[in-house]
Protein backbone atom coordinates (compact mmCIF):
# COMPACT_ATOMS: atom_id res chain seq x y z
CA MET A 1 62.15 -1.30 -88.46
CA ARG A 2 58.67 -2.66 -87.89
CA ARG A 3 58.92 -2.03 -84.12
CA THR A 4 59.92 1.56 -84.79
CA LEU A 5 56.90 2.12 -87.01
CA ILE A 6 54.57 0.58 -84.43
CA ALA A 7 56.10 2.70 -81.67
CA LEU A 8 55.78 5.89 -83.72
CA SER A 9 52.19 5.16 -84.72
CA THR A 10 51.27 4.36 -81.09
CA LEU A 11 52.91 7.61 -80.00
CA GLY A 12 51.01 9.47 -82.70
CA VAL A 13 47.70 8.03 -81.45
CA PHE A 14 48.45 9.13 -77.88
CA ILE A 15 49.48 12.60 -79.01
CA GLY A 16 46.34 12.82 -81.13
CA ILE A 17 44.20 11.92 -78.10
CA LEU A 18 46.00 13.99 -75.45
CA LEU A 19 46.88 17.12 -77.43
CA PRO A 20 43.33 18.51 -77.72
CA PHE A 21 42.88 18.18 -73.94
CA GLN A 22 46.09 20.08 -73.24
CA LEU A 23 45.29 22.92 -75.64
CA LYS A 24 41.89 23.71 -74.12
CA ALA A 25 42.16 26.64 -71.74
CA PRO A 26 40.00 26.67 -68.65
CA LYS A 27 37.04 29.04 -68.77
CA ALA A 28 37.15 32.05 -66.48
CA ARG A 29 34.21 33.21 -64.44
CA ALA A 30 34.04 36.61 -62.82
CA GLU A 31 31.58 38.09 -60.39
CA VAL A 32 31.62 41.68 -59.23
CA GLN A 33 29.47 42.85 -56.35
CA VAL A 34 29.06 46.59 -56.05
CA SER A 35 27.02 48.27 -53.36
CA SER A 36 26.22 51.34 -55.44
CA PRO A 37 25.79 50.94 -59.24
CA ASP A 38 26.17 54.69 -59.85
CA LYS A 39 29.85 54.45 -58.80
CA ILE A 40 30.68 52.07 -61.63
CA ALA A 41 32.58 53.73 -64.47
CA GLU A 42 34.60 50.88 -65.89
CA ILE A 43 34.52 47.41 -64.35
CA VAL A 44 36.45 44.77 -66.25
CA THR A 45 36.93 43.37 -69.69
CA ILE A 46 36.80 39.59 -69.99
CA THR A 47 38.53 38.06 -73.00
CA ASP A 48 38.39 34.26 -73.13
CA ASN A 49 40.07 33.33 -69.87
CA THR A 50 41.77 36.66 -69.12
CA LEU A 51 40.42 39.12 -66.58
CA PHE A 52 41.75 42.63 -67.18
CA ALA A 53 40.89 45.33 -64.65
CA VAL A 54 40.42 48.77 -66.19
CA GLY A 55 39.17 50.60 -63.15
CA SER A 56 38.44 50.15 -59.49
CA PRO A 57 34.69 50.51 -59.06
CA ILE A 58 34.63 49.02 -55.57
CA SER A 59 37.17 51.22 -53.83
CA PRO A 60 36.29 54.88 -53.38
CA GLU A 61 38.23 57.50 -55.30
CA THR A 62 41.48 58.27 -53.52
CA PRO A 63 41.72 61.81 -52.21
CA MET A 64 44.20 64.15 -53.87
CA ARG A 65 46.81 64.84 -51.22
CA ARG A 66 49.94 65.79 -53.14
CA ARG A 67 50.65 69.27 -54.37
CA MET A 68 53.04 70.27 -57.16
CA GLU A 69 53.96 73.69 -58.52
CA VAL A 70 53.54 73.74 -62.31
CA ILE A 71 53.37 75.85 -65.42
CA VAL A 72 50.02 75.46 -67.19
CA THR A 73 49.51 76.04 -70.90
CA ALA A 74 46.96 74.76 -73.40
CA TYR A 75 47.06 72.94 -76.73
CA SER A 76 44.62 71.89 -79.43
CA SER A 77 44.53 69.14 -82.05
CA THR A 78 46.25 71.16 -84.75
CA PRO A 79 48.98 69.35 -86.72
CA TRP A 80 51.74 71.80 -85.79
CA GLU A 81 51.04 71.30 -82.04
CA THR A 82 50.84 67.50 -82.05
CA ASP A 83 52.26 64.43 -83.76
CA ASP A 84 50.92 62.65 -86.83
CA SER A 85 47.70 61.56 -85.04
CA PRO A 86 46.35 64.81 -83.52
CA GLU A 87 43.01 63.32 -82.38
CA ILE A 88 44.56 60.41 -80.42
CA THR A 89 46.26 60.80 -77.03
CA ALA A 90 49.34 58.93 -75.84
CA SER A 91 47.05 56.61 -73.85
CA GLY A 92 45.18 55.69 -77.05
CA SER A 93 41.93 57.54 -76.29
CA ARG A 94 40.38 60.34 -78.35
CA VAL A 95 40.96 63.92 -77.24
CA ARG A 96 38.11 65.50 -75.28
CA GLU A 97 37.40 68.06 -72.59
CA GLY A 98 39.24 67.29 -69.37
CA ILE A 99 42.37 65.79 -70.94
CA VAL A 100 45.81 67.07 -69.95
CA ALA A 101 49.34 66.24 -71.07
CA ASN A 102 52.23 65.80 -68.63
CA ASN A 103 55.50 63.85 -68.69
CA PHE A 104 55.93 63.18 -64.95
CA LEU A 105 52.59 61.79 -63.80
CA PRO A 106 51.44 58.31 -64.88
CA LEU A 107 48.76 58.11 -67.56
CA GLY A 108 45.34 57.97 -65.93
CA THR A 109 46.30 60.20 -62.99
CA ARG A 110 43.47 62.49 -61.91
CA ILE A 111 44.46 66.06 -61.08
CA LYS A 112 42.81 69.31 -60.00
CA ILE A 113 43.96 72.82 -60.76
CA PRO A 114 42.10 74.67 -57.98
CA GLU A 115 43.28 78.24 -58.64
CA LEU A 116 42.17 78.10 -62.28
CA PHE A 117 39.34 75.53 -62.40
CA GLY A 118 38.12 74.95 -58.83
CA ASP A 119 37.05 71.33 -58.22
CA ARG A 120 37.10 70.28 -61.88
CA VAL A 121 39.01 67.02 -62.36
CA PHE A 122 41.38 66.49 -65.30
CA VAL A 123 42.95 63.21 -66.39
CA VAL A 124 46.54 62.82 -67.63
CA GLU A 125 46.11 60.98 -70.93
CA ASP A 126 48.71 62.61 -73.14
CA ARG A 127 52.43 63.35 -73.18
CA MET A 128 54.44 66.39 -74.21
CA HIS A 129 57.78 67.02 -75.88
CA TRP A 130 60.53 66.01 -73.46
CA LYS A 131 61.97 69.53 -73.50
CA LYS A 132 58.89 70.81 -71.66
CA GLY A 133 60.04 68.94 -68.55
CA ASN A 134 58.10 67.35 -65.72
CA TYR A 135 56.56 70.45 -64.16
CA HIS A 136 54.49 71.52 -67.13
CA ILE A 137 50.80 70.74 -67.65
CA ASP A 138 49.16 71.18 -71.06
CA ILE A 139 45.35 71.32 -71.09
CA TRP A 140 43.56 70.20 -74.27
CA LEU A 141 41.14 72.78 -75.70
CA PRO A 142 38.95 72.35 -78.81
CA SER A 143 40.42 75.20 -80.86
CA TYR A 144 43.82 76.71 -81.53
CA GLN A 145 42.53 80.20 -80.72
CA GLU A 146 41.25 79.10 -77.28
CA ALA A 147 44.59 77.46 -76.54
CA LYS A 148 46.49 80.56 -77.63
CA ASN A 149 44.24 82.84 -75.56
CA PHE A 150 44.77 80.65 -72.49
CA GLY A 151 48.40 81.74 -72.34
CA VAL A 152 50.91 80.63 -69.70
CA LYS A 153 50.04 80.46 -66.01
CA ARG A 154 52.04 79.51 -62.91
CA THR A 155 49.99 77.65 -60.31
CA TYR A 156 49.80 74.33 -58.50
CA ILE A 157 48.01 71.05 -59.04
CA LEU A 158 46.61 68.51 -56.59
CA TYR A 159 46.99 64.84 -57.44
């Protein structure tokens, strides 16, 4: 009995000494070298020892080479056009000019609608009802009346 108590207390001492060393996570260090600071939009977020890339400031923006025929409509942040959080997109950001909704393209995809908006770049940050399908783009506009006046247009996008 006495040997068991000694063994357990010795084990407890070792665990008490070693456990704090095992629970300490190594510190992370990150360095980013960028040749042109004006190209930086979002670099990284460092949380404790985790490095999470949120953009690619070093590589140039990839050219838009794909073309897709789509139907383009518009929507606003009115409750009957959105879900229970009309000011928040599916990606978690707030609605703003340049946001579009689409079900096919990944969130964050940059698109152009040349026939309607020239070289203006839009970002897919929202989703639509599944019945709208994959070949439908919904552009966010600040008011319901603007969205209604936009109507329905058939065109193509570059992405």
